[in-house]
N, C-alpha and C. Protein backbone atom coordinates (compact mmCIF):
# COMPACT_ATOMS: atom_id res chain seq x y z
N UNK A 1 85.94 188.88 126.70
CA UNK A 1 85.99 188.14 125.63
C UNK A 1 85.47 186.67 125.83
N UNK A 2 84.92 185.97 125.06
CA UNK A 2 84.10 184.82 125.27
C UNK A 2 85.02 183.80 125.14
N UNK A 3 85.65 183.05 126.11
CA UNK A 3 86.46 182.07 126.18
C UNK A 3 85.66 180.56 125.75
N UNK A 4 84.78 180.42 125.40
CA UNK A 4 83.80 179.20 125.27
C UNK A 4 84.11 179.10 123.73
N UNK A 5 84.18 180.01 122.86
CA UNK A 5 84.38 179.69 121.52
C UNK A 5 85.79 179.74 121.02
N UNK A 6 86.84 180.26 122.12
CA UNK A 6 88.11 180.43 121.67
C UNK A 6 88.80 178.84 121.41
N UNK A 7 89.61 178.90 120.35
CA UNK A 7 90.21 177.47 119.92
C UNK A 7 91.64 177.41 120.54
N UNK A 8 91.90 176.36 121.57
CA UNK A 8 93.17 176.41 122.26
C UNK A 8 94.45 176.13 121.28
N UNK A 9 95.36 176.53 121.68
CA UNK A 9 96.71 175.91 121.09
C UNK A 9 96.98 174.41 120.97
N UNK A 10 96.53 173.66 121.81
CA UNK A 10 96.66 172.22 121.90
C UNK A 10 95.60 171.88 120.86
N UNK A 11 94.33 172.54 120.63
CA UNK A 11 93.41 172.06 119.53
C UNK A 11 94.16 172.36 118.23
N UNK A 12 94.74 173.46 118.07
CA UNK A 12 94.98 173.80 116.64
C UNK A 12 96.43 172.85 116.52
N UNK A 13 97.25 172.65 117.41
CA UNK A 13 98.39 171.76 117.23
C UNK A 13 97.91 170.27 116.98
N UNK A 14 96.89 169.62 117.78
CA UNK A 14 96.67 168.54 117.57
C UNK A 14 95.83 168.18 115.96
N UNK A 15 95.06 169.24 115.62
CA UNK A 15 94.42 169.25 114.30
C UNK A 15 95.48 169.52 113.33
N UNK A 16 96.52 170.25 113.25
CA UNK A 16 97.65 170.11 112.30
C UNK A 16 98.18 169.02 112.32
N UNK A 17 98.42 168.51 113.42
CA UNK A 17 99.22 167.37 113.11
C UNK A 17 98.35 166.04 112.48
N UNK A 18 97.16 166.04 112.72
CA UNK A 18 96.54 164.96 112.10
C UNK A 18 96.48 165.39 110.63
N UNK A 19 96.07 166.63 109.96
CA UNK A 19 96.26 166.98 108.85
C UNK A 19 97.49 166.59 108.29
N UNK A 20 98.57 166.74 109.05
CA UNK A 20 100.00 166.40 108.39
C UNK A 20 100.11 164.96 108.29
N UNK A 21 99.56 164.09 109.03
CA UNK A 21 99.49 162.45 109.05
C UNK A 21 98.86 162.21 108.04
N UNK A 22 97.55 162.91 107.67
CA UNK A 22 96.90 162.47 106.43
C UNK A 22 97.81 162.65 105.22
N UNK A 23 98.19 163.84 105.39
CA UNK A 23 98.85 164.30 104.01
C UNK A 23 100.14 163.43 103.73
N UNK A 24 101.01 162.90 104.81
CA UNK A 24 102.10 162.20 104.96
C UNK A 24 101.85 160.73 104.38
N UNK A 25 100.79 160.35 104.87
CA UNK A 25 100.33 158.97 104.54
C UNK A 25 100.15 158.86 103.29
N UNK A 26 99.33 159.85 102.55
CA UNK A 26 98.74 160.00 101.30
C UNK A 26 99.93 160.09 100.07
N UNK A 27 100.63 160.98 100.69
CA UNK A 27 101.72 161.45 99.67
C UNK A 27 103.05 160.79 99.57
N UNK A 28 103.57 160.33 100.81
CA UNK A 28 104.92 159.53 100.68
C UNK A 28 104.58 158.01 100.78
N UNK A 29 103.50 157.53 101.38
CA UNK A 29 103.42 156.05 101.38
C UNK A 29 102.76 155.60 100.61
N UNK A 30 102.78 155.78 99.39
CA UNK A 30 101.86 155.58 98.18
C UNK A 30 102.36 154.18 97.55
N UNK A 31 101.54 153.19 96.94
CA UNK A 31 101.99 152.02 96.41
C UNK A 31 101.26 152.33 94.90
N UNK A 32 102.35 152.19 93.96
CA UNK A 32 101.78 152.41 92.69
C UNK A 32 100.85 151.07 91.88
N UNK A 33 99.70 151.47 91.58
CA UNK A 33 98.62 150.56 90.95
C UNK A 33 98.60 151.00 89.34
N UNK A 34 97.98 150.10 88.72
CA UNK A 34 97.65 150.17 87.42
C UNK A 34 96.83 151.47 87.02
N UNK A 35 95.84 151.84 88.27
CA UNK A 35 94.92 152.87 87.84
C UNK A 35 95.44 154.19 88.87
N UNK A 36 96.68 154.44 89.19
CA UNK A 36 97.05 155.31 90.04
C UNK A 36 97.86 154.74 91.15
N UNK A 37 97.55 155.15 92.27
CA UNK A 37 98.19 154.68 93.56
C UNK A 37 96.97 154.40 94.73
N UNK A 38 97.82 153.50 95.60
CA UNK A 38 97.03 153.28 97.00
C UNK A 38 97.92 153.70 97.89
N UNK A 39 97.51 154.05 99.06
CA UNK A 39 98.25 154.74 100.18
C UNK A 39 97.86 154.51 101.50
N UNK A 40 98.27 155.32 102.36
CA UNK A 40 98.26 154.74 103.77
C UNK A 40 97.54 156.03 104.53
N UNK A 41 97.08 157.09 103.92
CA UNK A 41 96.20 158.12 104.33
C UNK A 41 95.00 158.04 104.64
N UNK A 42 94.29 156.66 104.17
CA UNK A 42 92.88 156.54 104.64
C UNK A 42 93.13 156.09 106.01
N UNK A 43 93.93 155.54 106.84
CA UNK A 43 94.23 154.85 107.72
C UNK A 43 94.31 156.25 108.76
N UNK A 44 95.11 157.17 108.47
CA UNK A 44 94.95 158.46 109.16
C UNK A 44 93.62 159.42 109.43
N UNK A 45 92.93 159.17 108.35
CA UNK A 45 91.45 160.00 108.40
C UNK A 45 90.62 158.85 109.61
N UNK A 46 90.69 157.83 109.55
CA UNK A 46 89.85 156.94 110.52
C UNK A 46 90.45 157.27 111.84
N UNK A 47 91.91 157.12 111.81
CA UNK A 47 92.31 157.70 113.30
C UNK A 47 92.19 159.04 113.67
N UNK A 48 92.01 159.71 112.93
CA UNK A 48 91.52 161.31 113.27
C UNK A 48 90.14 161.45 113.56
N UNK A 49 89.30 160.77 113.16
CA UNK A 49 87.62 160.68 113.53
C UNK A 49 87.97 159.92 114.81
N UNK A 50 88.78 158.78 115.08
CA UNK A 50 88.57 158.14 116.44
C UNK A 50 89.08 159.04 117.49
N UNK A 51 90.12 159.74 117.34
CA UNK A 51 90.95 160.60 118.11
C UNK A 51 90.20 161.89 118.35
N UNK A 52 89.71 162.56 117.50
CA UNK A 52 89.24 163.95 117.17
C UNK A 52 87.82 164.09 116.94
N UNK A 53 87.05 163.19 116.68
CA UNK A 53 85.53 163.47 116.36
C UNK A 53 85.26 163.70 114.86
N UNK A 54 83.99 163.86 114.95
CA UNK A 54 83.39 163.92 113.61
C UNK A 54 84.09 164.99 112.70
N UNK A 55 83.77 166.35 113.12
CA UNK A 55 84.26 167.54 112.43
C UNK A 55 85.67 167.68 112.42
N UNK A 56 86.34 167.70 113.12
CA UNK A 56 87.95 167.68 113.02
C UNK A 56 88.71 166.68 112.47
N UNK A 57 88.11 165.61 112.48
CA UNK A 57 88.51 164.22 111.39
C UNK A 57 88.04 164.82 110.01
N UNK A 58 87.11 165.30 109.59
CA UNK A 58 86.63 165.52 108.40
C UNK A 58 87.45 166.50 107.94
N UNK A 59 87.67 167.42 108.57
CA UNK A 59 88.94 168.60 108.40
C UNK A 59 90.34 168.20 107.94
N UNK A 60 90.43 167.37 108.91
CA UNK A 60 91.93 166.70 108.71
C UNK A 60 92.01 165.72 107.49
N UNK A 61 90.99 164.96 107.21
CA UNK A 61 90.78 164.24 106.00
C UNK A 61 91.01 164.90 104.58
N UNK A 62 89.86 165.99 104.57
CA UNK A 62 89.91 166.70 103.62
C UNK A 62 90.82 167.68 103.26
N UNK A 63 91.56 168.20 104.13
CA UNK A 63 93.02 169.14 103.97
C UNK A 63 94.02 168.43 103.52
N UNK A 64 94.30 167.09 104.43
CA UNK A 64 95.36 166.54 104.20
C UNK A 64 95.42 165.57 102.98
N UNK A 65 94.49 165.02 102.50
CA UNK A 65 94.40 164.25 101.29
C UNK A 65 94.38 165.30 100.05
N UNK A 66 93.38 166.42 99.97
CA UNK A 66 93.61 167.36 99.36
C UNK A 66 94.73 168.01 98.75
N UNK A 67 95.45 168.45 100.08
CA UNK A 67 96.75 168.80 99.95
C UNK A 67 97.90 167.74 99.04
N UNK A 68 97.86 166.83 99.51
CA UNK A 68 98.51 165.56 98.65
C UNK A 68 98.14 165.59 96.87
N UNK A 69 96.97 165.67 96.91
CA UNK A 69 96.66 165.65 95.65
C UNK A 69 97.13 166.75 94.67
N UNK A 70 97.14 167.85 95.41
CA UNK A 70 97.39 169.30 95.08
C UNK A 70 98.97 169.01 94.42
N UNK A 71 99.82 168.71 95.55
CA UNK A 71 101.13 168.74 95.54
C UNK A 71 101.83 167.66 94.71
N UNK A 72 100.83 166.64 94.59
CA UNK A 72 101.37 165.73 93.81
C UNK A 72 100.81 165.77 92.22
N UNK A 73 100.48 166.77 91.80
CA UNK A 73 100.05 166.86 90.53
C UNK A 73 98.74 166.32 90.01
N UNK A 74 97.84 165.86 91.01
CA UNK A 74 96.51 165.40 90.66
C UNK A 74 95.34 166.54 90.78
N UNK A 75 95.76 167.53 90.26
CA UNK A 75 94.85 168.85 90.61
C UNK A 75 93.43 168.66 90.09
N UNK A 76 92.87 167.70 89.13
CA UNK A 76 91.63 167.37 89.17
C UNK A 76 90.75 166.79 90.09
N UNK A 77 91.71 166.07 90.67
CA UNK A 77 91.17 165.33 92.08
C UNK A 77 91.13 166.09 93.20
N UNK A 78 91.87 167.33 93.66
CA UNK A 78 91.93 167.87 94.57
C UNK A 78 90.28 168.32 95.45
N UNK A 79 89.41 168.66 94.62
CA UNK A 79 88.21 169.00 95.28
C UNK A 79 87.51 167.75 95.30
N UNK A 80 87.38 167.03 94.21
CA UNK A 80 86.50 165.48 94.75
C UNK A 80 87.20 164.95 95.78
N UNK A 81 88.33 164.80 95.95
CA UNK A 81 88.95 164.13 97.15
C UNK A 81 88.58 165.07 98.25
N UNK A 82 88.59 165.97 98.63
CA UNK A 82 88.54 166.95 99.84
C UNK A 82 86.99 166.42 100.24
N UNK A 83 86.10 166.51 99.16
CA UNK A 83 84.76 166.50 99.46
C UNK A 83 84.38 164.98 99.85
N UNK A 84 84.87 164.00 99.07
CA UNK A 84 84.63 162.36 99.78
C UNK A 84 85.50 162.19 100.95
N UNK A 85 86.52 162.60 101.15
CA UNK A 85 87.01 162.14 102.43
C UNK A 85 86.33 162.88 103.56
N UNK A 86 86.22 164.03 103.21
CA UNK A 86 85.43 164.77 104.29
C UNK A 86 83.88 163.95 104.75
N UNK A 87 83.31 163.26 103.57
CA UNK A 87 81.89 162.71 103.72
C UNK A 87 82.00 161.45 104.00
N UNK A 88 83.13 160.79 103.90
CA UNK A 88 83.57 159.47 104.79
C UNK A 88 83.52 159.66 106.00
N UNK A 89 84.78 160.67 106.83
CA UNK A 89 84.60 161.22 107.96
C UNK A 89 83.19 161.56 108.57
N UNK A 90 82.47 162.29 107.70
CA UNK A 90 81.28 162.66 108.46
C UNK A 90 80.48 161.52 108.72
N UNK A 91 80.25 160.49 107.60
CA UNK A 91 79.18 159.54 108.00
C UNK A 91 80.06 158.69 108.89
N UNK A 92 81.06 158.44 109.08
CA UNK A 92 81.71 157.48 110.09
C UNK A 92 81.28 157.93 111.40
N UNK A 93 81.54 159.39 111.58
CA UNK A 93 81.25 160.33 112.92
C UNK A 93 80.00 160.11 113.15
N UNK A 94 78.94 160.14 112.41
CA UNK A 94 77.66 160.60 112.72
C UNK A 94 77.11 159.14 113.14
N UNK A 95 77.56 157.83 112.52
CA UNK A 95 77.03 156.58 112.72
C UNK A 95 77.98 156.19 113.94
N UNK A 96 79.00 156.33 114.30
CA UNK A 96 80.06 155.87 115.57
C UNK A 96 79.23 156.75 116.62
N UNK A 97 79.18 158.18 116.47
CA UNK A 97 79.07 158.89 117.86
C UNK A 97 77.71 159.47 118.10
N UNK A 98 76.84 159.14 117.08
CA UNK A 98 75.27 159.72 117.23
C UNK A 98 74.38 158.43 117.11
N UNK A 99 74.46 158.02 116.14
CA UNK A 99 73.40 156.72 115.90
C UNK A 99 73.84 155.55 116.49
N UNK A 100 74.96 155.15 116.91
CA UNK A 100 75.49 153.90 117.67
C UNK A 100 76.46 154.15 118.79
N UNK A 101 76.29 155.31 119.26
CA UNK A 101 77.35 155.58 120.19
C UNK A 101 77.52 154.62 121.49
N UNK A 102 76.65 153.90 121.53
CA UNK A 102 76.88 153.09 122.60
C UNK A 102 76.63 151.53 122.21
N UNK A 103 77.18 151.21 120.86
CA UNK A 103 77.17 149.86 120.64
C UNK A 103 78.66 149.67 120.79
N UNK A 104 78.83 148.40 120.69
CA UNK A 104 80.24 147.98 121.06
C UNK A 104 81.28 148.58 119.86
N UNK A 105 80.80 148.04 118.47
CA UNK A 105 82.01 148.22 117.63
C UNK A 105 81.36 149.60 116.65
N UNK A 106 80.96 150.68 117.54
CA UNK A 106 80.56 151.66 116.73
C UNK A 106 81.60 152.36 116.02
N UNK A 107 82.79 152.69 116.00
CA UNK A 107 83.81 153.08 115.47
C UNK A 107 83.92 152.21 114.08
N UNK A 108 84.13 151.08 114.37
CA UNK A 108 84.22 150.21 113.01
C UNK A 108 83.24 149.98 112.17
N UNK A 109 82.02 149.97 112.79
CA UNK A 109 80.69 150.05 111.99
C UNK A 109 80.68 151.25 111.28
N UNK A 110 80.93 152.56 111.83
CA UNK A 110 80.87 153.66 111.09
C UNK A 110 81.91 153.74 110.18
N UNK A 111 83.07 153.45 110.24
CA UNK A 111 84.22 153.44 109.25
C UNK A 111 84.04 152.54 108.20
N UNK A 112 83.34 151.65 108.44
CA UNK A 112 82.92 150.65 107.37
C UNK A 112 81.59 150.78 106.57
N UNK A 113 80.81 151.56 106.89
CA UNK A 113 79.24 152.22 106.26
C UNK A 113 80.24 153.53 105.41
N UNK A 114 81.09 154.40 106.11
CA UNK A 114 81.66 155.46 105.52
C UNK A 114 82.56 154.95 104.42
N UNK A 115 83.13 153.77 104.59
CA UNK A 115 84.23 153.65 103.63
C UNK A 115 83.17 153.04 102.42
N UNK A 116 82.15 152.37 102.58
CA UNK A 116 81.27 152.16 101.34
C UNK A 116 80.89 153.10 100.75
N UNK A 117 80.60 154.42 101.47
CA UNK A 117 80.25 155.52 100.87
C UNK A 117 81.63 156.08 99.77
N UNK A 118 82.63 155.93 100.59
CA UNK A 118 83.77 156.57 99.80
C UNK A 118 84.05 155.76 98.62
N UNK A 119 84.01 154.38 98.61
CA UNK A 119 84.21 153.73 97.40
C UNK A 119 83.00 154.26 96.45
N UNK A 120 81.78 154.32 96.81
CA UNK A 120 80.59 154.52 95.96
C UNK A 120 80.68 155.97 95.31
N UNK A 121 81.17 156.97 95.96
CA UNK A 121 81.52 158.30 95.50
C UNK A 121 82.41 158.32 94.73
N UNK A 122 83.71 157.84 95.00
CA UNK A 122 84.90 157.99 93.97
C UNK A 122 84.40 157.23 92.71
N UNK A 123 83.81 156.09 92.69
CA UNK A 123 83.41 155.34 91.32
C UNK A 123 82.44 156.39 90.49
N UNK A 124 81.44 157.15 91.31
CA UNK A 124 80.36 158.00 90.59
C UNK A 124 81.14 158.97 89.96
N UNK A 125 82.41 159.44 90.58
CA UNK A 125 83.10 161.01 90.03
C UNK A 125 83.67 160.18 88.82
N UNK A 126 84.27 159.01 88.70
CA UNK A 126 84.90 158.52 87.83
C UNK A 126 84.20 158.10 86.72
N UNK A 127 83.07 157.77 86.55
CA UNK A 127 82.19 157.70 85.40
C UNK A 127 82.04 158.76 84.55
N UNK A 128 81.77 159.89 84.78
CA UNK A 128 81.85 161.08 83.85
C UNK A 128 83.22 161.60 83.27
N UNK A 129 84.27 161.41 84.07
CA UNK A 129 85.38 161.42 83.68
C UNK A 129 86.47 160.49 83.02
N UNK A 130 85.83 159.36 83.29
CA UNK A 130 86.76 158.35 82.36
C UNK A 130 85.91 157.03 81.48
N UNK A 131 84.39 157.06 81.98
CA UNK A 131 83.60 156.20 81.58
C UNK A 131 83.53 154.66 82.39
N UNK A 132 82.52 154.23 82.21
CA UNK A 132 82.03 153.02 83.16
C UNK A 132 83.05 151.99 83.13
N UNK A 133 84.13 151.90 82.13
CA UNK A 133 84.93 150.58 82.24
C UNK A 133 85.89 150.95 83.17
N UNK A 134 86.31 152.25 82.94
CA UNK A 134 87.74 152.43 83.86
C UNK A 134 87.09 152.65 85.27
N UNK A 135 85.98 153.10 85.47
CA UNK A 135 85.27 153.45 87.22
C UNK A 135 85.21 151.86 87.53
N UNK A 136 84.69 151.08 86.82
CA UNK A 136 84.38 149.53 87.22
C UNK A 136 85.86 148.75 87.54
N UNK A 137 86.64 149.19 86.68
CA UNK A 137 87.97 148.28 86.78
C UNK A 137 88.93 148.71 87.87
N UNK A 138 88.43 150.02 88.51
CA UNK A 138 89.25 150.41 89.63
C UNK A 138 88.69 149.98 91.02
N UNK A 139 87.60 149.41 90.90
CA UNK A 139 86.77 149.23 92.18
C UNK A 139 87.42 148.24 93.16
N UNK A 140 88.39 147.16 92.31
CA UNK A 140 89.08 146.27 93.46
C UNK A 140 90.08 146.81 94.25
N UNK A 141 90.86 148.01 93.43
CA UNK A 141 92.18 148.34 94.15
C UNK A 141 91.46 149.38 95.16
N UNK A 142 90.41 150.05 94.44
CA UNK A 142 89.95 151.33 95.56
C UNK A 142 89.51 150.69 96.66
N UNK A 143 88.72 149.47 96.58
CA UNK A 143 88.09 148.76 97.89
C UNK A 143 89.16 147.95 98.86
N UNK A 144 90.33 147.59 98.22
CA UNK A 144 91.37 146.99 99.03
C UNK A 144 91.81 148.32 99.88
N UNK A 145 92.01 149.33 99.28
CA UNK A 145 92.70 150.67 100.01
C UNK A 145 91.91 151.26 100.91
N UNK A 146 90.50 151.17 100.59
CA UNK A 146 89.58 151.57 101.85
C UNK A 146 89.51 150.44 102.81
N UNK A 147 89.43 149.20 102.62
CA UNK A 147 89.43 148.11 103.59
C UNK A 147 90.81 148.43 104.49
N UNK A 148 92.01 148.43 104.04
CA UNK A 148 93.20 148.46 104.29
C UNK A 148 93.26 149.89 105.39
N UNK A 149 92.69 150.97 104.95
CA UNK A 149 92.59 151.99 105.64
C UNK A 149 91.71 151.85 106.99
N UNK A 150 90.76 151.38 106.72
CA UNK A 150 89.56 151.07 107.92
C UNK A 150 90.41 150.19 108.86
N UNK A 151 90.86 148.77 108.50
CA UNK A 151 91.79 147.82 109.31
C UNK A 151 93.04 148.77 110.21
N UNK A 152 93.88 149.31 109.46
CA UNK A 152 94.79 149.80 110.00
C UNK A 152 94.42 151.13 110.98
N UNK A 153 93.75 151.94 110.43
CA UNK A 153 93.23 152.98 111.44
C UNK A 153 92.66 152.52 112.69
N UNK A 154 91.69 151.54 112.66
CA UNK A 154 91.30 150.77 114.06
C UNK A 154 92.30 150.29 114.66
N UNK A 155 93.31 149.61 114.06
CA UNK A 155 94.38 149.15 115.03
C UNK A 155 95.27 150.24 115.69
N UNK A 156 95.63 151.27 114.68
CA UNK A 156 96.37 152.23 115.40
C UNK A 156 95.57 152.84 116.45
N UNK A 157 94.36 153.12 116.43
CA UNK A 157 93.68 153.91 117.47
C UNK A 157 93.53 152.67 118.76
N UNK A 158 93.55 151.56 118.37
CA UNK A 158 93.57 150.39 119.39
C UNK A 158 94.75 150.60 120.42
N UNK A 159 95.90 150.81 119.51
CA UNK A 159 97.16 151.26 120.26
C UNK A 159 97.34 152.46 120.97
N UNK A 160 96.87 153.41 120.34
CA UNK A 160 96.86 154.55 120.88
C UNK A 160 96.00 154.99 122.10
N UNK A 161 94.94 154.53 122.03
CA UNK A 161 93.74 154.91 122.88
C UNK A 161 94.15 154.46 124.72
N UNK A 162 94.87 153.41 124.76
CA UNK A 162 95.30 153.14 126.04
C UNK A 162 96.51 153.84 126.53
N UNK A 163 97.37 154.26 125.59
CA UNK A 163 98.53 155.22 126.22
C UNK A 163 98.59 156.78 125.88
N UNK A 164 97.95 157.13 125.21
CA UNK A 164 98.11 158.37 124.65
C UNK A 164 96.65 159.27 124.73
N UNK A 165 95.65 158.50 124.94
CA UNK A 165 94.60 159.12 124.79
C UNK A 165 94.11 160.62 125.84
N UNK A 166 94.83 160.56 126.95
CA UNK A 166 94.74 161.92 127.90
C UNK A 166 94.88 163.09 126.72
N UNK A 167 96.09 162.87 125.93
CA UNK A 167 96.89 163.79 124.84
C UNK A 167 95.48 164.43 124.11
N UNK A 168 94.99 163.39 123.61
CA UNK A 168 93.70 163.81 122.55
C UNK A 168 92.29 164.27 123.31
N UNK A 169 91.99 164.13 124.64
CA UNK A 169 91.11 164.53 124.95
C UNK A 169 91.10 166.23 125.20
N UNK A 170 90.30 166.84 124.27
CA UNK A 170 90.69 168.24 124.47
C UNK A 170 89.42 168.87 125.01
């Protein structure tokens, strides 16, 4: 049996925990707005990428946020949300771990550039669904949610990396 390709119980557990944290942050910690709601799930996606890397962070973001939309009754948003959250995580990871891996603020830069893509993609999806006026009117709340997610995710990572990083090194 090839043990190189096997996934450990620890890896599955940590990935499941991050999926659950994205879900909980999105589903339970939501703040109603005129155009839906804003939530804390994005900071968990940032945290997942910081702790687990690009692929596992993208998986946690896509599944956690998609499940939240599904169970929350936003079924039209499940697939767009899964794709957009995964793309955000992938952009962040590629920038932070590949392009700027030796830069001082690589995670923050990756999260911000990925956040820009996040806002752009959600806006582009809203245009054919609801029109330009609606899509543009949600830019402020979506941008604030994205910025909040980046700031809180980076702060959480800063708190965790010193004390619990050994748990996440897989």
